[in-house]
Amino acid sequence: MSNTLDRGACVCASAALVDGGPGVRFAVATPAGGEAAFAIRYRGQVYAYLNRCAHRLVELDWEPGQFFDAEGRHLICATHGALYQPATGACLDGPCRGAGLVPITVAERDGAVWLAETPVTVVK
């Protein structure tokens, strides 16, 4: 995967993430190589996850960067409609109930969103 971000890299400008709006897609370095990921803003906080459904390993967004449902309350999987809690990644409804998205630690500072200095841990 090209343009893969490593630890401590800048994901995007803070202004690129609007509460309940489109997310920013990026690739992140993991022990398995580069993997698709995304960052969103929910209730004023920034969250990031690997871009893969907990049920099937498919990307969530129904169009590039579109992760939220129509109300901007839940993240939704375009493949089968599973709903995820944006602040935790927990599956609330759908075939993945009890599972969740793989979180990526990010920090917002100096007008930007940054990957943590720690490696991304992937739980399968």
PDB file of N, CA and C in Angstrom:
ATOM      1  N   MET A   1       0.852  -1.165   0.000  1.00  0.00           N
ATOM      2  CA  MET A   1       0.000   0.000   0.000  1.00  0.00           C
ATOM      3  C   MET A   1       0.900   1.231   0.000  1.00  0.00           C
ATOM      4  N   SER A   2       0.712   2.124  -0.962  1.00  0.00           N
ATOM      5  CA  SER A   2       1.569   3.301  -1.065  1.00  0.00           C
ATOM      6  C   SER A   2       1.169   4.361  -0.056  1.00  0.00           C
ATOM      7  N   ASN A   3       2.089   5.281   0.200  1.00  0.00           N
ATOM      8  CA  ASN A   3       1.851   6.386   1.126  1.00  0.00           C
ATOM      9  C   ASN A   3       1.423   5.897   2.513  1.00  0.00           C
ATOM     10  N   THR A   4       2.033   4.856   2.999  1.00  0.00           N
ATOM     11  CA  THR A   4       1.717   4.312   4.314  1.00  0.00           C
ATOM     12  C   THR A   4       2.369   5.175   5.387  1.00  0.00           C
ATOM     13  N   LEU A   5       1.561   5.584   6.365  1.00  0.00           N
ATOM     14  CA  LEU A   5       2.055   6.407   7.468  1.00  0.00           C
ATOM     15  C   LEU A   5       2.635   5.523   8.552  1.00  0.00           C
ATOM     16  N   ASP A   6       3.735   5.960   9.110  1.00  0.00           N
ATOM     17  CA  ASP A   6       4.366   5.228  10.200  1.00  0.00           C
ATOM     18  C   ASP A   6       4.141   5.998  11.502  1.00  0.00           C
ATOM     19  N   ARG A   7       4.609   5.456  12.590  1.00  0.00           N
ATOM     20  CA  ARG A   7       4.453   6.072  13.910  1.00  0.00           C
ATOM     21  C   ARG A   7       4.844   7.543  13.892  1.00  0.00           C
ATOM     22  N   GLY A   8       4.033   8.350  14.566  1.00  0.00           N
ATOM     23  CA  GLY A   8       4.331   9.762  14.722  1.00  0.00           C
ATOM     24  C   GLY A   8       4.025  10.630  13.516  1.00  0.00           C
ATOM     25  N   ALA A   9       3.500  10.060  12.437  1.00  0.00           N
ATOM     26  CA  ALA A   9       3.222  10.821  11.217  1.00  0.00           C
ATOM     27  C   ALA A   9       1.935  11.639  11.344  1.00  0.00           C
ATOM     28  N   CYS A  10       1.867  12.695  10.556  1.00  0.00           N
ATOM     29  CA  CYS A  10       0.664  13.530  10.510  1.00  0.00           C
ATOM     30  C   CYS A  10      -0.370  12.857   9.611  1.00  0.00           C
ATOM     31  N   VAL A  11      -1.585  12.680  10.137  1.00  0.00           N
ATOM     32  CA  VAL A  11      -2.671  12.071   9.380  1.00  0.00           C
ATOM     33  C   VAL A  11      -3.360  13.128   8.518  1.00  0.00           C
ATOM     34  N   CYS A  12      -3.701  14.265   9.131  1.00  0.00           N
ATOM     35  CA  CYS A  12      -4.408  15.323   8.416  1.00  0.00           C
ATOM     36  C   CYS A  12      -4.457  16.576   9.280  1.00  0.00           C
ATOM     37  N   ALA A  13      -4.876  17.665   8.686  1.00  0.00           N
ATOM     38  CA  ALA A  13      -5.139  18.891   9.440  1.00  0.00           C
ATOM     39  C   ALA A  13      -6.402  18.683  10.270  1.00  0.00           C
ATOM     40  N   SER A  14      -6.453  19.253  11.455  1.00  0.00           N
ATOM     41  CA  SER A  14      -7.638  19.128  12.309  1.00  0.00           C
ATOM     42  C   SER A  14      -8.903  19.587  11.593  1.00  0.00           C
ATOM     43  N   ALA A  15      -8.790  20.646  10.804  1.00  0.00           N
ATOM     44  CA  ALA A  15      -9.947  21.211  10.107  1.00  0.00           C
ATOM     45  C   ALA A  15     -10.538  20.264   9.069  1.00  0.00           C
ATOM     46  N   ALA A  16      -9.812  19.227   8.678  1.00  0.00           N
ATOM     47  CA  ALA A  16     -10.312  18.271   7.692  1.00  0.00           C
ATOM     48  C   ALA A  16     -11.396  17.367   8.269  1.00  0.00           C
ATOM     49  N   LEU A  17     -11.502  17.314   9.600  1.00  0.00           N
ATOM     50  CA  LEU A  17     -12.481  16.436  10.253  1.00  0.00           C
ATOM     51  C   LEU A  17     -13.583  17.263  10.893  1.00  0.00           C
ATOM     52  N   VAL A  18     -14.783  17.127  10.357  1.00  0.00           N
ATOM     53  CA  VAL A  18     -15.959  17.825  10.857  1.00  0.00           C
ATOM     54  C   VAL A  18     -16.778  16.832  11.671  1.00  0.00           C
ATOM     55  N   ASP A  19     -17.305  17.259  12.811  1.00  0.00           N
ATOM     56  CA  ASP A  19     -18.083  16.385  13.693  1.00  0.00           C
ATOM     57  C   ASP A  19     -19.201  15.672  12.935  1.00  0.00           C
ATOM     58  N   GLY A  20     -19.158  14.350  12.910  1.00  0.00           N
ATOM     59  CA  GLY A  20     -20.184  13.543  12.252  1.00  0.00           C
ATOM     60  C   GLY A  20     -20.124  13.591  10.738  1.00  0.00           C
ATOM     61  N   GLY A  21     -19.076  14.196  10.190  1.00  0.00           N
ATOM     62  CA  GLY A  21     -18.949  14.346   8.741  1.00  0.00           C
ATOM     63  C   GLY A  21     -17.989  13.343   8.143  1.00  0.00           C
ATOM     64  N   PRO A  22     -17.565  13.615   6.923  1.00  0.00           N
ATOM     65  CA  PRO A  22     -16.647  12.684   6.248  1.00  0.00           C
ATOM     66  C   PRO A  22     -15.363  12.462   7.040  1.00  0.00           C
ATOM     67  N   GLY A  23     -14.837  11.270   6.902  1.00  0.00           N
ATOM     68  CA  GLY A  23     -13.576  10.934   7.532  1.00  0.00           C
ATOM     69  C   GLY A  23     -12.430  11.114   6.563  1.00  0.00           C
ATOM     70  N   VAL A  24     -11.228  10.930   7.064  1.00  0.00           N
ATOM     71  CA  VAL A  24     -10.025  10.987   6.244  1.00  0.00           C
ATOM     72  C   VAL A  24      -9.452   9.582   6.164  1.00  0.00           C
ATOM     73  N   ARG A  25      -9.291   9.109   4.951  1.00  0.00           N
ATOM     74  CA  ARG A  25      -8.697   7.785   4.719  1.00  0.00           C
ATOM     75  C   ARG A  25      -7.185   7.922   4.657  1.00  0.00           C
ATOM     76  N   PHE A  26      -6.491   6.904   5.166  1.00  0.00           N
ATOM     77  CA  PHE A  26      -5.039   6.851   5.077  1.00  0.00           C
ATOM     78  C   PHE A  26      -4.609   5.406   5.215  1.00  0.00           C
ATOM     79  N   ALA A  27      -3.361   5.139   4.999  1.00  0.00           N
ATOM     80  CA  ALA A  27      -2.815   3.800   5.212  1.00  0.00           C
ATOM     81  C   ALA A  27      -1.856   3.885   6.382  1.00  0.00           C
ATOM     82  N   VAL A  28      -1.844   2.851   7.204  1.00  0.00           N
ATOM     83  CA  VAL A  28      -1.010   2.843   8.394  1.00  0.00           C
ATOM     84  C   VAL A  28      -0.127   1.595   8.389  1.00  0.00           C
ATOM     85  N   ALA A  29       1.094   1.759   8.870  1.00  0.00           N
ATOM     86  CA  ALA A  29       2.017   0.632   8.958  1.00  0.00           C
ATOM     87  C   ALA A  29       1.609  -0.260  10.126  1.00  0.00           C
ATOM     88  N   THR A  30       1.497  -1.550   9.872  1.00  0.00           N
ATOM     89  CA  THR A  30       1.200  -2.544  10.904  1.00  0.00           C
ATOM     90  C   THR A  30       2.220  -3.674  10.752  1.00  0.00           C
ATOM     91  N   PRO A  31       2.258  -4.599  11.699  1.00  0.00           N
ATOM     92  CA  PRO A  31       3.176  -5.733  11.541  1.00  0.00           C
ATOM     93  C   PRO A  31       2.931  -6.526  10.254  1.00  0.00           C
ATOM     94  N   ALA A  32       1.696  -6.470   9.734  1.00  0.00           N
ATOM     95  CA  ALA A  32       1.360  -7.190   8.504  1.00  0.00           C
ATOM     96  C   ALA A  32       1.670  -6.380   7.248  1.00  0.00           C
ATOM     97  N   GLY A  33       2.125  -5.128   7.414  1.00  0.00           N
ATOM     98  CA  GLY A  33       2.386  -4.252   6.274  1.00  0.00           C
ATOM     99  C   GLY A  33       1.467  -3.046   6.335  1.00  0.00           C
ATOM    100  N   GLY A  34       1.204  -2.422   5.212  1.00  0.00           N
ATOM    101  CA  GLY A  34       0.303  -1.273   5.175  1.00  0.00           C
ATOM    102  C   GLY A  34      -1.146  -1.720   5.142  1.00  0.00           C
ATOM    103  N   GLU A  35      -1.971  -1.072   5.957  1.00  0.00           N
ATOM    104  CA  GLU A  35      -3.402  -1.393   5.979  1.00  0.00           C
ATOM    105  C   GLU A  35      -4.218  -0.113   5.901  1.00  0.00           C
ATOM    106  N   ALA A  36      -5.382  -0.214   5.264  1.00  0.00           N
ATOM    107  CA  ALA A  36      -6.283   0.927   5.139  1.00  0.00           C
ATOM    108  C   ALA A  36      -6.804   1.325   6.519  1.00  0.00           C
ATOM    109  N   ALA A  37      -6.917   2.634   6.727  1.00  0.00           N
ATOM    110  CA  ALA A  37      -7.391   3.163   8.006  1.00  0.00           C
ATOM    111  C   ALA A  37      -8.183   4.438   7.740  1.00  0.00           C
ATOM    112  N   PHE A  38      -8.815   4.958   8.797  1.00  0.00           N
ATOM    113  CA  PHE A  38      -9.540   6.213   8.665  1.00  0.00           C
ATOM    114  C   PHE A  38      -9.597   6.924  10.009  1.00  0.00           C
ATOM    115  N   ALA A  39      -9.773   8.236   9.929  1.00  0.00           N
ATOM    116  CA  ALA A  39      -9.960   9.073  11.118  1.00  0.00           C
ATOM    117  C   ALA A  39     -11.274   9.823  10.956  1.00  0.00           C
ATOM    118  N   ILE A  40     -12.005   9.996  12.067  1.00  0.00           N
ATOM    119  CA  ILE A  40     -13.268  10.734  12.073  1.00  0.00           C
ATOM    120  C   ILE A  40     -13.301  11.624  13.317  1.00  0.00           C
ATOM    121  N   ARG A  41     -14.205  12.577  13.309  1.00  0.00           N
ATOM    122  CA  ARG A  41     -14.449  13.383  14.501  1.00  0.00           C
ATOM    123  C   ARG A  41     -15.866  13.085  14.968  1.00  0.00           C
ATOM    124  N   TYR A  42     -16.005  12.832  16.282  1.00  0.00           N
ATOM    125  CA  TYR A  42     -17.303  12.527  16.878  1.00  0.00           C
ATOM    126  C   TYR A  42     -17.377  13.203  18.236  1.00  0.00           C
ATOM    127  N   ARG A  43     -18.404  14.029  18.404  1.00  0.00           N
ATOM    128  CA  ARG A  43     -18.590  14.788  19.647  1.00  0.00           C
ATOM    129  C   ARG A  43     -17.319  15.520  20.069  1.00  0.00           C
ATOM    130  N   GLY A  44     -16.670  16.125  19.076  1.00  0.00           N
ATOM    131  CA  GLY A  44     -15.509  16.957  19.331  1.00  0.00           C
ATOM    132  C   GLY A  44     -14.178  16.235  19.442  1.00  0.00           C
ATOM    133  N   GLN A  45     -14.199  14.915  19.495  1.00  0.00           N
ATOM    134  CA  GLN A  45     -12.968  14.133  19.641  1.00  0.00           C
ATOM    135  C   GLN A  45     -12.626  13.423  18.332  1.00  0.00           C
ATOM    136  N   VAL A  46     -11.344  13.198  18.123  1.00  0.00           N
ATOM    137  CA  VAL A  46     -10.890  12.475  16.935  1.00  0.00           C
ATOM    138  C   VAL A  46     -10.635  11.013  17.305  1.00  0.00           C
ATOM    139  N   TYR A  47     -11.108  10.120  16.445  1.00  0.00           N
ATOM    140  CA  TYR A  47     -10.917   8.684  16.612  1.00  0.00           C
ATOM    141  C   TYR A  47     -10.403   8.123  15.295  1.00  0.00           C
ATOM    142  N   ALA A  48      -9.628   7.055  15.365  1.00  0.00           N
ATOM    143  CA  ALA A  48      -9.118   6.411  14.155  1.00  0.00           C
ATOM    144  C   ALA A  48      -9.200   4.896  14.314  1.00  0.00           C
ATOM    145  N   TYR A  49      -9.457   4.229  13.204  1.00  0.00           N
ATOM    146  CA  TYR A  49      -9.615   2.776  13.183  1.00  0.00           C
ATOM    147  C   TYR A  49      -9.050   2.220  11.881  1.00  0.00           C
ATOM    148  N   LEU A  50      -8.704   0.926  11.902  1.00  0.00           N
ATOM    149  CA  LEU A  50      -8.427   0.255  10.644  1.00  0.00           C
ATOM    150  C   LEU A  50      -9.729   0.248   9.855  1.00  0.00           C
ATOM    151  N   ASN A  51      -9.646   0.410   8.566  1.00  0.00           N
ATOM    152  CA  ASN A  51     -10.840   0.463   7.719  1.00  0.00           C
ATOM    153  C   ASN A  51     -11.222  -0.944   7.282  1.00  0.00           C
ATOM    154  N   ARG A  52     -11.717  -1.700   8.261  1.00  0.00           N
ATOM    155  CA  ARG A  52     -12.187  -3.050   7.958  1.00  0.00           C
ATOM    156  C   ARG A  52     -13.265  -3.446   8.946  1.00  0.00           C
ATOM    157  N   CYS A  53     -14.291  -4.047   8.404  1.00  0.00           N
ATOM    158  CA  CYS A  53     -15.438  -4.488   9.199  1.00  0.00           C
ATOM    159  C   CYS A  53     -15.005  -5.635  10.121  1.00  0.00           C
ATOM    160  N   ALA A  54     -15.600  -5.701  11.285  1.00  0.00           N
ATOM    161  CA  ALA A  54     -15.286  -6.784  12.227  1.00  0.00           C
ATOM    162  C   ALA A  54     -15.898  -8.112  11.778  1.00  0.00           C
ATOM    163  N   HIS A  55     -16.886  -8.066  10.898  1.00  0.00           N
ATOM    164  CA  HIS A  55     -17.559  -9.270  10.419  1.00  0.00           C
ATOM    165  C   HIS A  55     -16.837  -9.871   9.217  1.00  0.00           C
ATOM    166  N   ARG A  56     -16.610  -9.071   8.225  1.00  0.00           N
ATOM    167  CA  ARG A  56     -15.871  -9.455   7.027  1.00  0.00           C
ATOM    168  C   ARG A  56     -14.769  -8.429   6.835  1.00  0.00           C
ATOM    169  N   LEU A  57     -13.659  -8.838   6.330  1.00  0.00           N
ATOM    170  CA  LEU A  57     -12.546  -7.911   6.184  1.00  0.00           C
ATOM    171  C   LEU A  57     -12.717  -7.064   4.925  1.00  0.00           C
ATOM    172  N   VAL A  58     -13.786  -6.251   4.927  1.00  0.00           N
ATOM    173  CA  VAL A  58     -14.054  -5.305   3.842  1.00  0.00           C
ATOM    174  C   VAL A  58     -14.015  -3.900   4.420  1.00  0.00           C
ATOM    175  N   GLU A  59     -13.743  -2.922   3.566  1.00  0.00           N
ATOM    176  CA  GLU A  59     -13.721  -1.538   4.032  1.00  0.00           C
ATOM    177  C   GLU A  59     -15.141  -1.072   4.341  1.00  0.00           C
ATOM    178  N   LEU A  60     -15.252  -0.175   5.324  1.00  0.00           N
ATOM    179  CA  LEU A  60     -16.559   0.278   5.778  1.00  0.00           C
ATOM    180  C   LEU A  60     -17.210   1.319   4.887  1.00  0.00           C
ATOM    181  N   ASP A  61     -16.464   2.299   4.423  1.00  0.00           N
ATOM    182  CA  ASP A  61     -17.083   3.461   3.787  1.00  0.00           C
ATOM    183  C   ASP A  61     -17.877   3.105   2.536  1.00  0.00           C
ATOM    184  N   TRP A  62     -19.058   3.736   2.425  1.00  0.00           N
ATOM    185  CA  TRP A  62     -19.950   3.491   1.294  1.00  0.00           C
ATOM    186  C   TRP A  62     -19.563   4.341   0.092  1.00  0.00           C
ATOM    187  N   GLU A  63     -18.850   5.410   0.307  1.00  0.00           N
ATOM    188  CA  GLU A  63     -18.150   6.206  -0.688  1.00  0.00           C
ATOM    189  C   GLU A  63     -16.875   6.641   0.014  1.00  0.00           C
ATOM    190  N   PRO A  64     -15.822   6.945  -0.704  1.00  0.00           N
ATOM    191  CA  PRO A  64     -14.571   7.303  -0.028  1.00  0.00           C
ATOM    192  C   PRO A  64     -14.766   8.372   1.053  1.00  0.00           C
ATOM    193  N   GLY A  65     -14.425   8.011   2.286  1.00  0.00           N
ATOM    194  CA  GLY A  65     -14.516   8.929   3.416  1.00  0.00           C
ATOM    195  C   GLY A  65     -15.876   9.011   4.085  1.00  0.00           C
ATOM    196  N   GLN A  66     -16.876   8.306   3.564  1.00  0.00           N
ATOM    197  CA  GLN A  66     -18.231   8.350   4.151  1.00  0.00           C
ATOM    198  C   GLN A  66     -18.423   7.139   5.073  1.00  0.00           C
ATOM    199  N   PHE A  67     -18.271   7.376   6.370  1.00  0.00           N
ATOM    200  CA  PHE A  67     -18.337   6.299   7.362  1.00  0.00           C
ATOM    201  C   PHE A  67     -19.572   6.378   8.250  1.00  0.00           C
ATOM    202  N   PHE A  68     -20.140   7.577   8.412  1.00  0.00           N
ATOM    203  CA  PHE A  68     -21.277   7.759   9.313  1.00  0.00           C
ATOM    204  C   PHE A  68     -22.596   7.422   8.624  1.00  0.00           C
ATOM    205  N   ASP A  69     -23.581   7.016   9.445  1.00  0.00           N
ATOM    206  CA  ASP A  69     -24.938   6.846   8.939  1.00  0.00           C
ATOM    207  C   ASP A  69     -25.523   8.233   8.640  1.00  0.00           C
ATOM    208  N   ALA A  70     -26.734   8.273   8.115  1.00  0.00           N
ATOM    209  CA  ALA A  70     -27.356   9.534   7.688  1.00  0.00           C
ATOM    210  C   ALA A  70     -27.505  10.535   8.830  1.00  0.00           C
ATOM    211  N   GLU A  71     -27.660  10.066  10.055  1.00  0.00           N
ATOM    212  CA  GLU A  71     -27.821  10.949  11.220  1.00  0.00           C
ATOM    213  C   GLU A  71     -26.494  11.380  11.824  1.00  0.00           C
ATOM    214  N   GLY A  72     -25.394  10.795  11.392  1.00  0.00           N
ATOM    215  CA  GLY A  72     -24.086  11.122  11.954  1.00  0.00           C
ATOM    216  C   GLY A  72     -23.896  10.589  13.361  1.00  0.00           C
ATOM    217  N   ARG A  73     -24.645   9.547  13.721  1.00  0.00           N
ATOM    218  CA  ARG A  73     -24.582   8.977  15.070  1.00  0.00           C
ATOM    219  C   ARG A  73     -23.729   7.723  15.163  1.00  0.00           C
ATOM    220  N   HIS A  74     -23.698   6.921  14.112  1.00  0.00           N
ATOM    221  CA  HIS A  74     -22.983   5.650  14.121  1.00  0.00           C
ATOM    222  C   HIS A  74     -22.135   5.519  12.867  1.00  0.00           C
ATOM    223  N   LEU A  75     -21.073   4.740  12.986  1.00  0.00           N
ATOM    224  CA  LEU A  75     -20.315   4.326  11.809  1.00  0.00           C
ATOM    225  C   LEU A  75     -21.064   3.137  11.227  1.00  0.00           C
ATOM    226  N   ILE A  76     -21.106   3.038   9.913  1.00  0.00           N
ATOM    227  CA  ILE A  76     -21.884   1.974   9.291  1.00  0.00           C
ATOM    228  C   ILE A  76     -21.057   1.254   8.232  1.00  0.00           C
ATOM    229  N   CYS A  77     -21.190  -0.048   8.183  1.00  0.00           N
ATOM    230  CA  CYS A  77     -20.516  -0.849   7.172  1.00  0.00           C
ATOM    231  C   CYS A  77     -21.381  -0.868   5.917  1.00  0.00           C
ATOM    232  N   ALA A  78     -20.818  -0.452   4.805  1.00  0.00           N
ATOM    233  CA  ALA A  78     -21.559  -0.387   3.552  1.00  0.00           C
ATOM    234  C   ALA A  78     -21.936  -1.771   3.030  1.00  0.00           C
ATOM    235  N   THR A  79     -21.208  -2.803   3.414  1.00  0.00           N
ATOM    236  CA  THR A  79     -21.466  -4.136   2.881  1.00  0.00           C
ATOM    237  C   THR A  79     -22.723  -4.770   3.464  1.00  0.00           C
ATOM    238  N   HIS A  80     -22.916  -4.687   4.788  1.00  0.00           N
ATOM    239  CA  HIS A  80     -24.079  -5.352   5.381  1.00  0.00           C
ATOM    240  C   HIS A  80     -24.779  -4.532   6.454  1.00  0.00           C
ATOM    241  N   GLY A  81     -24.426  -3.265   6.604  1.00  0.00           N
ATOM    242  CA  GLY A  81     -25.160  -2.377   7.498  1.00  0.00           C
ATOM    243  C   GLY A  81     -24.838  -2.479   8.971  1.00  0.00           C
ATOM    244  N   ALA A  82     -23.775  -3.158   9.347  1.00  0.00           N
ATOM    245  CA  ALA A  82     -23.413  -3.224  10.771  1.00  0.00           C
ATOM    246  C   ALA A  82     -23.168  -1.808  11.290  1.00  0.00           C
ATOM    247  N   LEU A  83     -23.607  -1.549  12.514  1.00  0.00           N
ATOM    248  CA  LEU A  83     -23.437  -0.234  13.129  1.00  0.00           C
ATOM    249  C   LEU A  83     -22.389  -0.300  14.228  1.00  0.00           C
ATOM    250  N   TYR A  84     -21.517   0.703  14.252  1.00  0.00           N
ATOM    251  CA  TYR A  84     -20.441   0.775  15.238  1.00  0.00           C
ATOM    252  C   TYR A  84     -20.535   2.075  16.020  1.00  0.00           C
ATOM    253  N   GLN A  85     -20.184   2.030  17.298  1.00  0.00           N
ATOM    254  CA  GLN A  85     -20.143   3.216  18.146  1.00  0.00           C
ATOM    255  C   GLN A  85     -18.870   3.983  17.780  1.00  0.00           C
ATOM    256  N   PRO A  86     -18.992   5.241  17.351  1.00  0.00           N
ATOM    257  CA  PRO A  86     -17.815   5.981  16.880  1.00  0.00           C
ATOM    258  C   PRO A  86     -16.708   6.168  17.921  1.00  0.00           C
ATOM    259  N   ALA A  87     -17.056   6.311  19.187  1.00  0.00           N
ATOM    260  CA  ALA A  87     -16.050   6.585  20.217  1.00  0.00           C
ATOM    261  C   ALA A  87     -15.309   5.342  20.691  1.00  0.00           C
ATOM    262  N   THR A  88     -15.868   4.167  20.459  1.00  0.00           N
ATOM    263  CA  THR A  88     -15.219   2.941  20.935  1.00  0.00           C
ATOM    264  C   THR A  88     -14.943   1.928  19.830  1.00  0.00           C
ATOM    265  N   GLY A  89     -15.666   2.025  18.728  1.00  0.00           N
ATOM    266  CA  GLY A  89     -15.550   1.046  17.656  1.00  0.00           C
ATOM    267  C   GLY A  89     -16.344  -0.220  17.908  1.00  0.00           C
ATOM    268  N   ALA A  90     -17.074  -0.297  19.023  1.00  0.00           N
ATOM    269  CA  ALA A  90     -17.856  -1.498  19.352  1.00  0.00           C
ATOM    270  C   ALA A  90     -19.013  -1.670  18.370  1.00  0.00           C
ATOM    271  N   CYS A  91     -19.237  -2.902  17.930  1.00  0.00           N
ATOM    272  CA  CYS A  91     -20.356  -3.205  17.048  1.00  0.00           C
ATOM    273  C   CYS A  91     -21.641  -3.205  17.882  1.00  0.00           C
ATOM    274  N   LEU A  92     -22.586  -2.364  17.484  1.00  0.00           N
ATOM    275  CA  LEU A  92     -23.846  -2.226  18.202  1.00  0.00           C
ATOM    276  C   LEU A  92     -24.958  -3.062  17.593  1.00  0.00           C
ATOM    277  N   ASP A  93     -24.874  -3.290  16.280  1.00  0.00           N
ATOM    278  CA  ASP A  93     -25.933  -4.024  15.599  1.00  0.00           C
ATOM    279  C   ASP A  93     -25.367  -4.627  14.319  1.00  0.00           C
ATOM    280  N   GLY A  94     -25.812  -5.831  14.018  1.00  0.00           N
ATOM    281  CA  GLY A  94     -25.358  -6.510  12.811  1.00  0.00           C
ATOM    282  C   GLY A  94     -24.666  -7.812  13.145  1.00  0.00           C
ATOM    283  N   PRO A  95     -24.150  -8.487  12.133  1.00  0.00           N
ATOM    284  CA  PRO A  95     -23.548  -9.810  12.344  1.00  0.00           C
ATOM    285  C   PRO A  95     -22.257  -9.800  13.156  1.00  0.00           C
ATOM    286  N   CYS A  96     -21.697  -8.632  13.400  1.00  0.00           N
ATOM    287  CA  CYS A  96     -20.444  -8.565  14.165  1.00  0.00           C
ATOM    288  C   CYS A  96     -20.679  -8.204  15.630  1.00  0.00           C
ATOM    289  N   ARG A  97     -21.933  -8.218  16.085  1.00  0.00           N
ATOM    290  CA  ARG A  97     -22.245  -7.842  17.466  1.00  0.00           C
ATOM    291  C   ARG A  97     -21.312  -8.553  18.439  1.00  0.00           C
ATOM    292  N   GLY A  98     -20.748  -7.764  19.364  1.00  0.00           N
ATOM    293  CA  GLY A  98     -19.805  -8.294  20.343  1.00  0.00           C
ATOM    294  C   GLY A  98     -18.362  -8.107  19.910  1.00  0.00           C
ATOM    295  N   ALA A  99     -18.135  -7.805  18.643  1.00  0.00           N
ATOM    296  CA  ALA A  99     -16.781  -7.545  18.133  1.00  0.00           C
ATOM    297  C   ALA A  99     -16.624  -6.031  17.989  1.00  0.00           C
ATOM    298  N   GLY A 100     -15.589  -5.607  17.337  1.00  0.00           N
ATOM    299  CA  GLY A 100     -15.408  -4.174  17.150  1.00  0.00           C
ATOM    300  C   GLY A 100     -14.319  -3.852  16.155  1.00  0.00           C
ATOM    301  N   LEU A 101     -14.218  -2.576  15.846  1.00  0.00           N
ATOM    302  CA  LEU A 101     -13.180  -2.084  14.954  1.00  0.00           C
ATOM    303  C   LEU A 101     -11.839  -2.065  15.682  1.00  0.00           C
ATOM    304  N   VAL A 102     -10.757  -2.146  14.927  1.00  0.00           N
ATOM    305  CA  VAL A 102      -9.412  -2.102  15.506  1.00  0.00           C
ATOM    306  C   VAL A 102      -9.010  -0.627  15.638  1.00  0.00           C
ATOM    307  N   PRO A 103      -8.836  -0.148  16.883  1.00  0.00           N
ATOM    308  CA  PRO A 103      -8.504   1.268  17.071  1.00  0.00           C
ATOM    309  C   PRO A 103      -7.048   1.582  16.745  1.00  0.00           C
ATOM    310  N   ILE A 104      -6.837   2.819  16.346  1.00  0.00           N
ATOM    311  CA  ILE A 104      -5.504   3.354  16.111  1.00  0.00           C
ATOM    312  C   ILE A 104      -5.368   4.579  17.003  1.00  0.00           C
ATOM    313  N   THR A 105      -4.334   4.636  17.790  1.00  0.00           N
ATOM    314  CA  THR A 105      -4.149   5.752  18.704  1.00  0.00           C
ATOM    315  C   THR A 105      -3.659   6.978  17.944  1.00  0.00           C
ATOM    316  N   VAL A 106      -4.417   8.070  18.078  1.00  0.00           N
ATOM    317  CA  VAL A 106      -4.055   9.343  17.462  1.00  0.00           C
ATOM    318  C   VAL A 106      -4.127  10.439  18.520  1.00  0.00           C
ATOM    319  N   ALA A 107      -3.489  11.553  18.233  1.00  0.00           N
ATOM    320  CA  ALA A 107      -3.534  12.723  19.120  1.00  0.00           C
ATOM    321  C   ALA A 107      -3.741  13.952  18.251  1.00  0.00           C
ATOM    322  N   GLU A 108      -4.494  14.889  18.784  1.00  0.00           N
ATOM    323  CA  GLU A 108      -4.720  16.139  18.073  1.00  0.00           C
ATOM    324  C   GLU A 108      -3.947  17.241  18.783  1.00  0.00           C
ATOM    325  N   ARG A 109      -3.048  17.888  18.038  1.00  0.00           N
ATOM    326  CA  ARG A 109      -2.258  18.979  18.600  1.00  0.00           C
ATOM    327  C   ARG A 109      -1.729  19.856  17.465  1.00  0.00           C
ATOM    328  N   ASP A 110      -1.509  21.101  17.781  1.00  0.00           N
ATOM    329  CA  ASP A 110      -0.939  22.052  16.817  1.00  0.00           C
ATOM    330  C   ASP A 110      -1.705  22.086  15.498  1.00  0.00           C
ATOM    331  N   GLY A 111      -3.042  21.949  15.573  1.00  0.00           N
ATOM    332  CA  GLY A 111      -3.868  22.045  14.377  1.00  0.00           C
ATOM    333  C   GLY A 111      -3.817  20.852  13.448  1.00  0.00           C
ATOM    334  N   ALA A 112      -3.355  19.706  13.979  1.00  0.00           N
ATOM    335  CA  ALA A 112      -3.257  18.515  13.143  1.00  0.00           C
ATOM    336  C   ALA A 112      -3.569  17.263  13.958  1.00  0.00           C
ATOM    337  N   VAL A 113      -3.819  16.168  13.253  1.00  0.00           N
ATOM    338  CA  VAL A 113      -4.045  14.851  13.859  1.00  0.00           C
ATOM    339  C   VAL A 113      -2.814  14.015  13.560  1.00  0.00           C
ATOM    340  N   TRP A 114      -2.242  13.421  14.605  1.00  0.00           N
ATOM    341  CA  TRP A 114      -0.985  12.680  14.511  1.00  0.00           C
ATOM    342  C   TRP A 114      -1.167  11.243  14.964  1.00  0.00           C
ATOM    343  N   LEU A 115      -0.471  10.317  14.302  1.00  0.00           N
ATOM    344  CA  LEU A 115      -0.410   8.950  14.791  1.00  0.00           C
ATOM    345  C   LEU A 115       0.435   8.916  16.052  1.00  0.00           C
ATOM    346  N   ALA A 116       0.094   8.023  16.952  1.00  0.00           N
ATOM    347  CA  ALA A 116       0.892   7.854  18.174  1.00  0.00           C
ATOM    348  C   ALA A 116       2.280   7.319  17.809  1.00  0.00           C
ATOM    349  N   GLU A 117       3.190   7.498  18.734  1.00  0.00           N
ATOM    350  CA  GLU A 117       4.558   6.992  18.539  1.00  0.00           C
ATOM    351  C   GLU A 117       4.636   5.477  18.724  1.00  0.00           C
ATOM    352  N   THR A 118       3.605   4.879  19.320  1.00  0.00           N
ATOM    353  CA  THR A 118       3.616   3.439  19.560  1.00  0.00           C
ATOM    354  C   THR A 118       3.148   2.698  18.303  1.00  0.00           C
ATOM    355  N   PRO A 119       3.615   1.483  18.079  1.00  0.00           N
ATOM    356  CA  PRO A 119       3.190   0.731  16.889  1.00  0.00           C
ATOM    357  C   PRO A 119       1.696   0.416  16.955  1.00  0.00           C
ATOM    358  N   VAL A 120       1.093   0.284  15.784  1.00  0.00           N
ATOM    359  CA  VAL A 120      -0.306  -0.126  15.692  1.00  0.00           C
ATOM    360  C   VAL A 120      -0.373  -1.618  15.987  1.00  0.00           C
ATOM    361  N   THR A 121      -1.220  -1.990  16.951  1.00  0.00           N
ATOM    362  CA  THR A 121      -1.403  -3.392  17.309  1.00  0.00           C
ATOM    363  C   THR A 121      -2.654  -3.916  16.618  1.00  0.00           C
ATOM    364  N   VAL A 122      -2.529  -4.962  15.869  1.00  0.00           N
ATOM    365  CA  VAL A 122      -3.655  -5.522  15.122  1.00  0.00           C
ATOM    366  C   VAL A 122      -4.147  -6.765  15.814  1.00  0.00           C
ATOM    367  N   VAL A 123      -5.418  -6.764  16.172  1.00  0.00           N
ATOM    368  CA  VAL A 123      -6.067  -7.930  16.765  1.00  0.00           C
ATOM    369  C   VAL A 123      -6.955  -8.542  15.700  1.00  0.00           C
ATOM    370  N   LYS A 124      -6.769  -9.808  15.422  1.00  0.00           N
ATOM    371  CA  LYS A 124      -7.566 -10.455  14.376  1.00  0.00           C
ATOM    372  C   LYS A 124      -8.725 -11.181  14.973  1.00  0.00           C
TER     373      LYS A 124
END
